[in-house]
Protein backbone atom coordinates (compact mmCIF):
# COMPACT_ATOMS: atom_id res chain seq x y z
CA MET A 1 86.08 30.02 43.17
CA ASP A 2 84.36 28.44 40.56
CA VAL A 3 85.87 28.93 37.38
CA GLN A 4 83.65 28.05 34.07
CA LYS A 5 85.01 26.98 31.27
CA ARG A 6 85.33 28.68 28.06
CA VAL A 7 82.85 25.92 26.27
CA ARG A 8 82.20 25.65 21.92
CA THR A 9 80.42 23.79 19.33
CA CYS A 10 81.89 22.47 16.97
CA ILE A 11 80.06 23.63 13.58
CA SER A 12 79.32 20.29 12.25
CA CYS A 13 78.66 17.40 14.10
CA GLY A 14 77.26 20.55 17.07
CA ALA A 15 80.09 18.91 19.42
CA LYS A 16 80.19 20.87 22.30
CA SER A 17 83.69 21.10 24.17
CA ASP A 18 86.16 23.81 25.40
CA LYS A 19 87.61 25.57 23.42
CA THR A 20 90.89 24.51 24.15
CA LEU A 21 90.38 20.97 22.17
CA LEU A 22 88.94 22.65 19.36
CA TYR A 23 90.55 24.22 16.69
CA ARG A 24 89.58 28.25 15.75
CA ILE A 25 89.59 28.86 11.74
CA VAL A 26 89.21 33.03 11.71
CA ARG A 27 88.25 35.98 9.31
CA ALA A 28 90.38 38.29 10.75
CA SER A 29 89.10 42.13 10.05
CA ASP A 30 90.78 43.27 6.77
CA GLY A 31 88.89 39.80 5.50
CA SER A 32 91.12 37.43 5.41
CA THR A 33 90.64 33.55 7.03
CA SER A 34 93.17 31.68 8.30
CA PHE A 35 93.33 28.83 10.54
CA ASP A 36 94.53 30.06 14.10
CA SER A 37 97.06 28.29 15.67
CA THR A 38 96.99 29.78 18.84
CA GLY A 39 92.98 30.81 19.55
CA ARG A 40 93.68 33.28 20.70
CA ALA A 41 93.48 35.27 17.28
CA ALA A 42 91.84 39.14 16.80
CA GLY A 43 88.72 37.95 14.45
CA ARG A 44 85.76 36.09 13.79
CA GLY A 45 85.80 32.52 14.30
CA ALA A 46 84.79 29.12 14.35
CA TYR A 47 85.37 25.54 16.22
CA VAL A 48 85.96 21.93 14.55
CA CYS A 49 86.63 19.38 16.68
CA SER A 50 88.22 17.12 14.22
CA TRP A 51 89.72 17.14 10.53
CA ALA A 52 86.54 15.14 9.24
CA CYS A 53 84.51 17.90 10.95
CA TYR A 54 86.74 20.67 8.52
CA VAL A 55 85.79 18.58 5.44
CA GLU A 56 82.24 18.28 6.40
CA ALA A 57 81.81 22.40 7.37
CA ALA A 58 83.83 23.20 3.75
CA ARG A 59 81.75 20.67 2.26
CA LYS A 60 78.24 22.34 3.25
CA GLY A 61 79.60 25.75 3.00
CA LYS A 62 79.25 26.12 6.98
CA LEU A 63 83.05 27.65 7.30
CA ASP A 64 81.18 30.79 5.24
CA LYS A 65 77.68 31.10 7.07
CA ALA A 66 80.21 30.88 10.61
CA LEU A 67 82.34 33.76 9.26
CA LYS A 68 79.61 35.56 7.22
CA THR A 69 82.30 35.19 4.32
CA LYS A 70 82.43 33.79 1.62
CA VAL A 71 85.83 31.52 1.82
CA SER A 72 87.73 31.17 -1.08
CA GLN A 73 88.87 27.45 -2.55
CA GLU A 74 92.39 28.53 -1.65
CA ASP A 75 91.90 29.53 1.89
CA TYR A 76 90.10 26.13 2.73
CA GLY A 77 92.85 24.16 0.72
CA ARG A 78 95.50 25.96 2.67
CA ILE A 79 93.91 26.09 5.95
CA GLY A 80 92.51 22.45 4.76
CA ALA A 81 96.58 21.69 5.17
CA GLU A 82 97.26 23.24 8.31
CA LEU A 83 94.57 21.93 9.67
CA ALA A 84 95.69 18.16 8.49
CA ALA A 85 99.30 18.92 9.92
CA VAL A 86 98.11 19.90 13.88
CA CYS A 87 95.68 17.18 13.52
CA GLY A 88 97.92 14.69 12.57
CA ASP A 89 95.56 12.79 9.66
CA SER A 90 97.09 10.97 7.19
CA GLU A 91 93.94 11.66 4.70
CA ALA A 92 94.30 15.55 4.06
């Protein structure tokens, strides 16, 4: 039996990869946005492949478009801090 991988695309650079190798940001049904460390939270998701791609997506408003909502500066900061901790990026 051939098992299909769940391929997703980074919203910033367009790289395609298995969803387990990407970082997911989710908009829940209540409108809140957050970093989804499990990759399984309910809601509309957007994927980035690295900290640099997150920064670029935030700068260009790609996260707002992908999640179909206006992400607040506070949410951008909180999500960025959580993502940087997971990525181990010292530039965050």
